[in-house]
Amino acid sequence: MAAAPRDESPTVIVTSGEPAGVGPDLCLALATRDFPARLLIAADPELLAQRAAEIGLQIELDTPAPGSAGLHRKGRLQVVPFRTAAPVVAGKLDPRNATYVLQMLAAAADGCSNGRYQAMVTAPVQKSTINDAGVPFSGHTEFLAERTGTARPVMMLVAGKLRVALATTHLPLRAVPDSLTSDGLLQTLRVLSAALRDHFGLARPRIAVLGLNPHAGESGHMGREDIDVIQPAVSRAVAEGIDARGPLPADTAFTPRHLTDTDAVLAMYHDQGLPVLKYAGFGHAVNVTLGLPIIRTSVDHGTALDLAGTGRADPGSLFAALELALGCLKP
């Protein structure tokens, strides 16, 4: 008798994020449809059961042995169990559960690094609560970069065909100019171009680079960073064969004329590029970390404490994040 064909479906771990936020609700929503993968939810099973009861969902929760997870099917969640340190009340933050959140992230990242999982998808965390617990934490991007030994992670959000990457991530605005260097921007452009080619199927990705100052510095009259830092980085990238142009004035770079021949926009700081993208696709956009040796995607929003446990949280961004992760795994 011929052996049954081997199932090559990927294994993806989904971290449930801040337990008092909408992360558990979003993970429960994954049980409303099938996915062509082995999905594992990193969470406290008792928390998931409690939240399912609160929002009126009938879901079967399994905790399969390592390596024995099956394909994800509607009505059922496969759980990698972790235990919260303190009781969880929807919408009520408790710093005692910060370690729980970080343990899930570390296990997911390590599992991707050692090949147990092929990708990780993250529900939102509450940075302030982790900091209140005495743990320095500025975001998933920085945590995963440190965990995987990545020197230059790049945060990019995707909403349909609009892709916005960031030269800096979670920094105070006053710290941004000093953090920008030509060498750093060149490295970011290399990471961005390679990821667009390798994971998004773009043979020669076209990147628009934003200026830092209004009107891209107005020929130096409104700041020298665009001339002294950004332009040299773009020129060096072009010399390496990267299709980059800029620096462009940020207030016009997102107009249809400029976006028509652009595959991604590189913004200099968080609130320069992301408001435009989130306006275009909030709730269905995806945060993806480029440059890591693993695939990681995430929702485009925060913990939405006011929606936790109400049944009104929109899982669209988590569905999109999972679908993008699966898309990045395709050859």
Protein backbone atom coordinates (compact mmCIF):
# COMPACT_ATOMS: atom_id res chain seq x y z
CA MET A 1 0.00 0.00 0.00
CA ALA A 2 1.36 3.44 -0.94
CA ALA A 3 2.18 5.76 1.92
CA ALA A 4 -0.19 8.66 2.47
CA PRO A 5 1.16 11.92 1.05
CA ARG A 6 2.90 14.07 3.64
CA ASP A 7 0.97 17.17 4.68
CA GLU A 8 3.22 20.16 4.03
CA SER A 9 0.86 22.72 5.55
CA PRO A 10 2.78 25.27 7.65
CA THR A 11 2.51 25.61 11.40
CA VAL A 12 1.79 29.16 12.55
CA ILE A 13 1.71 30.32 16.16
CA VAL A 14 -0.56 33.21 17.14
CA THR A 15 0.30 35.03 20.36
CA SER A 16 -2.80 36.31 22.15
CA GLY A 17 -1.21 39.50 23.50
CA GLU A 18 -2.41 41.55 26.46
CA PRO A 19 -4.87 39.31 28.32
CA ALA A 20 -7.14 42.19 29.38
CA GLY A 21 -7.38 43.50 25.82
CA VAL A 22 -9.02 42.27 22.64
CA GLY A 23 -6.25 39.80 21.80
CA PRO A 24 -8.05 36.78 23.29
CA ASP A 25 -11.29 37.84 21.57
CA LEU A 26 -9.52 38.07 18.19
CA CYS A 27 -7.92 34.67 18.65
CA LEU A 28 -11.31 33.16 19.45
CA ALA A 29 -12.62 34.68 16.21
CA LEU A 30 -10.14 32.52 14.30
CA ALA A 31 -12.41 29.60 15.16
CA THR A 32 -15.14 31.05 12.94
CA ARG A 33 -13.44 29.86 9.75
CA ASP A 34 -10.99 27.35 8.32
CA PHE A 35 -7.37 28.20 7.47
CA PRO A 36 -4.95 26.13 5.33
CA ALA A 37 -2.42 25.79 8.13
CA ARG A 38 -1.82 24.32 11.53
CA LEU A 39 -2.72 27.21 13.83
CA LEU A 40 -1.56 27.22 17.42
CA ILE A 41 -2.81 29.87 19.84
CA ALA A 42 -0.40 30.87 22.61
CA ALA A 43 -2.69 31.67 25.53
CA ASP A 44 -4.02 30.61 28.89
CA PRO A 45 -6.74 28.05 28.04
CA GLU A 46 -8.78 29.14 31.05
CA LEU A 47 -8.68 32.74 29.85
CA LEU A 48 -9.86 31.70 26.38
CA ALA A 49 -12.69 29.64 27.86
CA GLN A 50 -13.69 32.53 30.13
CA ARG A 51 -13.64 35.06 27.30
CA ALA A 52 -15.55 32.71 24.98
CA ALA A 53 -18.29 32.45 27.60
CA GLU A 54 -18.38 36.23 28.00
CA ILE A 55 -18.93 36.82 24.29
CA GLY A 56 -21.17 33.81 23.73
CA LEU A 57 -18.97 31.60 21.56
CA GLN A 58 -19.08 27.80 21.61
CA ILE A 59 -15.54 26.69 20.80
CA GLU A 60 -13.63 23.48 21.39
CA LEU A 61 -10.20 24.10 22.94
CA ASP A 62 -7.48 21.49 22.47
CA THR A 63 -3.89 21.38 23.73
CA PRO A 64 -2.13 19.04 21.28
CA ALA A 65 1.24 17.53 22.08
CA PRO A 66 4.21 19.23 20.39
CA GLY A 67 4.34 18.33 16.72
CA SER A 68 0.88 16.76 16.63
CA ALA A 69 -1.29 19.75 15.71
CA GLY A 70 -3.75 19.25 12.86
CA LEU A 71 -5.08 21.64 10.26
CA HIS A 72 -7.12 24.50 11.65
CA ARG A 73 -10.82 23.84 11.41
CA LYS A 74 -13.86 25.98 12.19
CA GLY A 75 -15.21 25.62 15.73
CA ARG A 76 -11.92 24.51 17.26
CA LEU A 77 -8.73 26.13 18.55
CA GLN A 78 -5.44 24.37 19.24
CA VAL A 79 -3.70 26.00 22.18
CA VAL A 80 -0.10 26.17 23.38
CA PRO A 81 -0.81 26.71 27.08
CA PHE A 82 0.65 29.49 29.21
CA ARG A 83 -0.68 30.60 32.57
CA THR A 84 -1.48 34.14 33.61
CA ALA A 85 0.04 35.25 36.89
CA ALA A 86 -3.08 37.05 38.09
CA PRO A 87 -6.82 36.79 37.38
CA VAL A 88 -7.85 38.59 34.20
CA VAL A 89 -10.74 41.03 33.96
CA ALA A 90 -11.54 42.25 30.47
CA GLY A 91 -10.52 45.89 30.12
CA LYS A 92 -8.55 46.00 33.42
CA LEU A 93 -4.77 46.06 33.07
CA ASP A 94 -2.59 44.26 35.60
CA PRO A 95 1.23 44.53 35.44
CA ARG A 96 1.50 41.15 37.14
CA ASN A 97 0.60 39.59 33.78
CA ALA A 98 3.42 41.30 31.87
CA THR A 99 5.66 38.25 32.25
CA TYR A 100 2.91 36.08 30.75
CA VAL A 101 2.85 38.27 27.64
CA LEU A 102 6.62 38.21 27.25
CA GLN A 103 6.82 34.45 27.79
CA MET A 104 4.43 33.90 24.89
CA LEU A 105 6.44 36.18 22.61
CA ALA A 106 9.76 34.57 23.53
CA ALA A 107 8.44 31.04 23.02
CA ALA A 108 6.91 31.95 19.66
CA ALA A 109 10.09 33.64 18.43
CA ASP A 110 12.28 30.78 19.62
CA GLY A 111 9.92 28.23 18.05
CA CYS A 112 10.17 30.02 14.71
CA SER A 113 13.95 30.22 15.00
CA ASN A 114 14.31 26.48 15.64
CA GLY A 115 11.84 25.45 12.95
CA ARG A 116 8.98 24.29 15.14
CA TYR A 117 6.80 27.04 13.66
CA GLN A 118 7.06 28.57 10.21
CA ALA A 119 5.63 31.98 11.18
CA MET A 120 4.27 33.93 14.11
CA VAL A 121 1.30 36.29 14.18
CA THR A 122 0.86 38.64 17.13
CA ALA A 123 -2.20 40.13 18.77
CA PRO A 124 -1.66 43.55 20.41
CA VAL A 125 0.24 44.09 23.65
CA GLN A 126 0.06 46.96 26.12
CA LYS A 127 3.54 48.49 26.20
CA SER A 128 2.79 50.68 29.22
CA THR A 129 1.79 47.71 31.37
CA ILE A 130 4.99 45.85 30.56
CA ASN A 131 6.99 48.96 31.46
CA ASP A 132 4.94 49.37 34.64
CA ALA A 133 6.09 45.87 35.58
CA GLY A 134 9.67 47.13 35.45
CA VAL A 135 10.58 45.60 32.09
CA PRO A 136 11.95 47.96 29.41
CA PHE A 137 9.82 47.32 26.32
CA SER A 138 9.26 49.59 23.33
CA GLY A 139 7.40 47.18 21.07
CA HIS A 140 7.23 43.84 19.28
CA THR A 141 9.69 44.98 16.61
CA GLU A 142 12.48 45.78 19.03
CA PHE A 143 11.79 42.75 21.25
CA LEU A 144 11.90 40.32 18.34
CA ALA A 145 15.01 41.93 16.89
CA GLU A 146 16.84 41.44 20.17
CA ARG A 147 15.51 37.91 20.59
CA THR A 148 16.67 36.86 17.12
CA GLY A 149 19.91 38.85 17.06
CA THR A 150 18.72 41.08 14.22
CA ALA A 151 20.70 44.29 13.78
CA ARG A 152 18.32 46.11 11.43
CA PRO A 153 14.62 45.21 11.79
CA VAL A 154 12.27 47.22 9.63
CA MET A 155 8.64 47.84 10.55
CA MET A 156 6.26 47.94 7.60
CA LEU A 157 2.48 48.20 7.47
CA VAL A 158 0.49 46.88 4.54
CA ALA A 159 -3.02 47.86 3.47
CA GLY A 160 -3.82 46.33 0.11
CA LYS A 161 -1.22 47.62 -2.35
CA LEU A 162 -0.12 50.42 -0.03
CA ARG A 163 3.03 49.55 1.92
CA VAL A 164 4.69 51.96 4.35
CA ALA A 165 7.99 51.10 6.03
CA LEU A 166 9.65 53.09 8.81
CA ALA A 167 13.23 54.27 9.14
CA THR A 168 12.66 54.69 12.89
CA THR A 169 9.99 53.07 15.03
CA HIS A 170 8.99 53.90 18.58
CA LEU A 171 11.03 57.02 19.33
CA PRO A 172 10.08 60.40 20.76
CA LEU A 173 9.83 62.88 17.92
CA ARG A 174 12.70 65.00 19.25
CA ALA A 175 15.01 61.96 19.00
CA VAL A 176 14.29 61.18 15.34
CA PRO A 177 16.73 63.56 13.54
CA ASP A 178 19.71 62.43 15.59
CA SER A 179 18.87 58.76 15.01
CA LEU A 180 18.94 59.07 11.21
CA THR A 181 22.22 58.31 9.47
CA SER A 182 23.06 57.65 5.83
CA ASP A 183 24.51 54.26 6.71
CA GLY A 184 21.41 53.29 8.68
CA LEU A 185 19.05 54.41 5.93
CA LEU A 186 21.03 52.48 3.35
CA GLN A 187 20.77 49.33 5.48
CA THR A 188 17.02 49.90 5.85
CA LEU A 189 16.63 50.27 2.08
CA ARG A 190 18.56 47.03 1.56
CA VAL A 191 16.30 45.16 4.00
CA LEU A 192 13.15 46.65 2.52
CA SER A 193 14.11 45.94 -1.08
CA ALA A 194 15.14 42.35 -0.31
CA ALA A 195 11.93 41.61 1.63
CA LEU A 196 9.72 43.03 -1.11
CA ARG A 197 11.53 40.82 -3.58
CA ASP A 198 11.71 37.64 -1.53
CA HIS A 199 8.34 37.68 0.27
CA PHE A 200 6.12 39.88 -1.89
CA GLY A 201 7.18 38.63 -5.31
CA LEU A 202 8.38 41.99 -6.66
CA ALA A 203 11.32 41.44 -8.99
CA ARG A 204 12.49 45.08 -8.82
CA PRO A 205 10.61 46.88 -6.05
CA ARG A 206 10.21 50.63 -6.41
CA ILE A 207 10.71 52.57 -3.17
CA ALA A 208 9.75 56.18 -2.52
CA VAL A 209 11.79 57.73 0.30
CA LEU A 210 10.23 60.59 2.25
CA GLY A 211 12.11 63.62 3.44
CA LEU A 212 12.29 64.47 7.12
CA ASN A 213 11.44 68.15 6.98
CA PRO A 214 8.54 70.02 5.38
CA HIS A 215 8.97 70.16 1.59
CA ALA A 216 11.93 67.77 2.00
CA GLY A 217 13.90 70.62 3.55
CA GLU A 218 13.16 73.25 0.87
CA SER A 219 16.72 73.05 -0.53
CA GLY A 220 18.18 73.33 2.96
CA HIS A 221 16.14 76.32 4.09
CA MET A 222 14.04 74.15 6.44
CA GLY A 223 16.67 71.73 7.67
CA ARG A 224 19.77 70.04 6.27
CA GLU A 225 18.91 66.39 7.05
CA ASP A 226 17.31 65.81 3.66
CA ILE A 227 20.44 66.99 1.83
CA ASP A 228 23.12 65.74 4.20
CA VAL A 229 21.65 62.41 5.36
CA ILE A 230 18.74 61.14 3.25
CA GLN A 231 19.88 62.05 -0.25
CA PRO A 232 23.30 60.38 0.10
CA ALA A 233 21.63 57.20 1.34
CA VAL A 234 19.26 57.16 -1.64
CA SER A 235 22.15 57.76 -4.05
CA ARG A 236 24.19 54.93 -2.55
CA ALA A 237 21.15 52.60 -2.74
CA VAL A 238 20.63 53.45 -6.40
CA ALA A 239 24.30 52.74 -7.08
CA GLU A 240 23.74 49.26 -5.61
CA GLY A 241 20.84 48.62 -7.98
CA ILE A 242 17.99 49.44 -5.57
CA ASP A 243 15.16 51.31 -7.27
CA ALA A 244 14.77 54.15 -4.77
CA ARG A 245 13.91 57.80 -5.25
CA GLY A 246 13.77 60.76 -2.91
CA PRO A 247 13.76 62.45 -0.58
CA LEU A 248 10.19 63.39 -1.49
CA PRO A 249 7.97 65.89 0.35
CA ALA A 250 5.80 63.82 2.66
CA ASP A 251 2.71 65.95 2.13
CA THR A 252 2.46 65.02 -1.56
CA ALA A 253 4.16 61.61 -1.73
CA PHE A 254 0.90 59.75 -1.03
CA THR A 255 -1.01 61.32 -3.91
CA PRO A 256 -2.10 58.95 -6.72
CA ARG A 257 0.43 60.42 -9.15
CA HIS A 258 3.33 59.42 -6.93
CA LEU A 259 1.92 56.09 -5.75
CA THR A 260 1.18 54.79 -9.25
CA ASP A 261 4.78 53.69 -9.76
CA THR A 262 5.61 52.93 -6.13
CA ASP A 263 5.68 49.56 -4.37
CA ALA A 264 6.57 50.88 -0.91
CA VAL A 265 7.10 54.18 0.85
CA LEU A 266 9.89 54.61 3.40
CA ALA A 267 8.87 57.14 6.05
CA MET A 268 11.36 58.68 8.44
CA TYR A 269 9.27 58.28 11.59
CA HIS A 270 6.18 56.54 12.93
CA ASP A 271 3.57 59.28 12.63
CA GLN A 272 4.82 60.53 9.28
CA GLY A 273 3.69 57.50 7.31
CA LEU A 274 1.32 55.43 9.42
CA PRO A 275 -1.60 57.89 9.73
CA VAL A 276 -2.01 57.79 5.95
CA LEU A 277 -1.89 54.01 5.81
CA LYS A 278 -4.25 53.53 8.74
CA TYR A 279 -6.70 55.99 7.22
CA ALA A 280 -6.62 53.93 4.04
CA GLY A 281 -7.07 50.53 5.67
CA PHE A 282 -7.48 50.63 9.45
CA GLY A 283 -8.83 47.39 10.84
CA HIS A 284 -7.67 45.42 7.80
CA ALA A 285 -4.03 46.49 7.58
CA VAL A 286 -1.10 44.36 8.72
CA ASN A 287 2.12 45.13 10.57
CA VAL A 288 5.02 43.01 9.30
CA THR A 289 8.57 43.00 10.64
CA LEU A 290 11.16 42.82 7.86
CA GLY A 291 14.77 41.77 8.27
CA LEU A 292 14.14 39.08 10.88
CA PRO A 293 15.25 35.50 10.21
CA ILE A 294 11.62 34.55 10.89
CA ILE A 295 8.26 35.63 9.50
CA ARG A 296 6.24 37.82 11.84
CA THR A 297 3.03 39.72 11.14
CA SER A 298 0.63 41.52 13.45
CA VAL A 299 -2.59 43.46 13.69
CA ASP A 300 -2.53 47.19 12.92
CA HIS A 301 -4.17 48.32 16.16
CA GLY A 302 -3.84 48.39 19.92
CA THR A 303 -5.42 46.49 22.77
CA ALA A 304 -8.83 48.28 22.58
CA LEU A 305 -9.57 47.71 26.24
CA ASP A 306 -13.07 49.14 25.91
CA LEU A 307 -14.00 46.40 23.42
CA ALA A 308 -12.50 43.45 25.29
CA GLY A 309 -15.12 40.91 26.27
CA THR A 310 -17.94 42.69 24.44
CA GLY A 311 -18.03 40.62 21.28
CA ARG A 312 -17.64 43.80 19.19
CA ALA A 313 -13.92 43.54 18.38
CA ASP A 314 -13.28 43.38 14.62
CA PRO A 315 -10.95 40.45 13.77
CA GLY A 316 -10.32 41.69 10.22
CA SER A 317 -6.74 42.78 10.86
CA LEU A 318 -5.82 39.48 12.53
CA PHE A 319 -7.30 37.54 9.62
CA ALA A 320 -5.31 39.74 7.21
CA ALA A 321 -2.13 39.27 9.27
CA LEU A 322 -2.50 35.51 9.16
CA GLU A 323 -3.21 35.52 5.43
CA LEU A 324 -0.15 37.72 4.78
CA ALA A 325 2.05 35.41 6.87
CA LEU A 326 0.85 32.44 4.85
CA GLY A 327 1.46 34.40 1.65
CA CYS A 328 5.03 35.15 2.71
CA LEU A 329 5.62 31.42 3.16
CA LYS A 330 4.77 30.61 -0.44
CA PRO A 331 7.79 30.02 -2.71
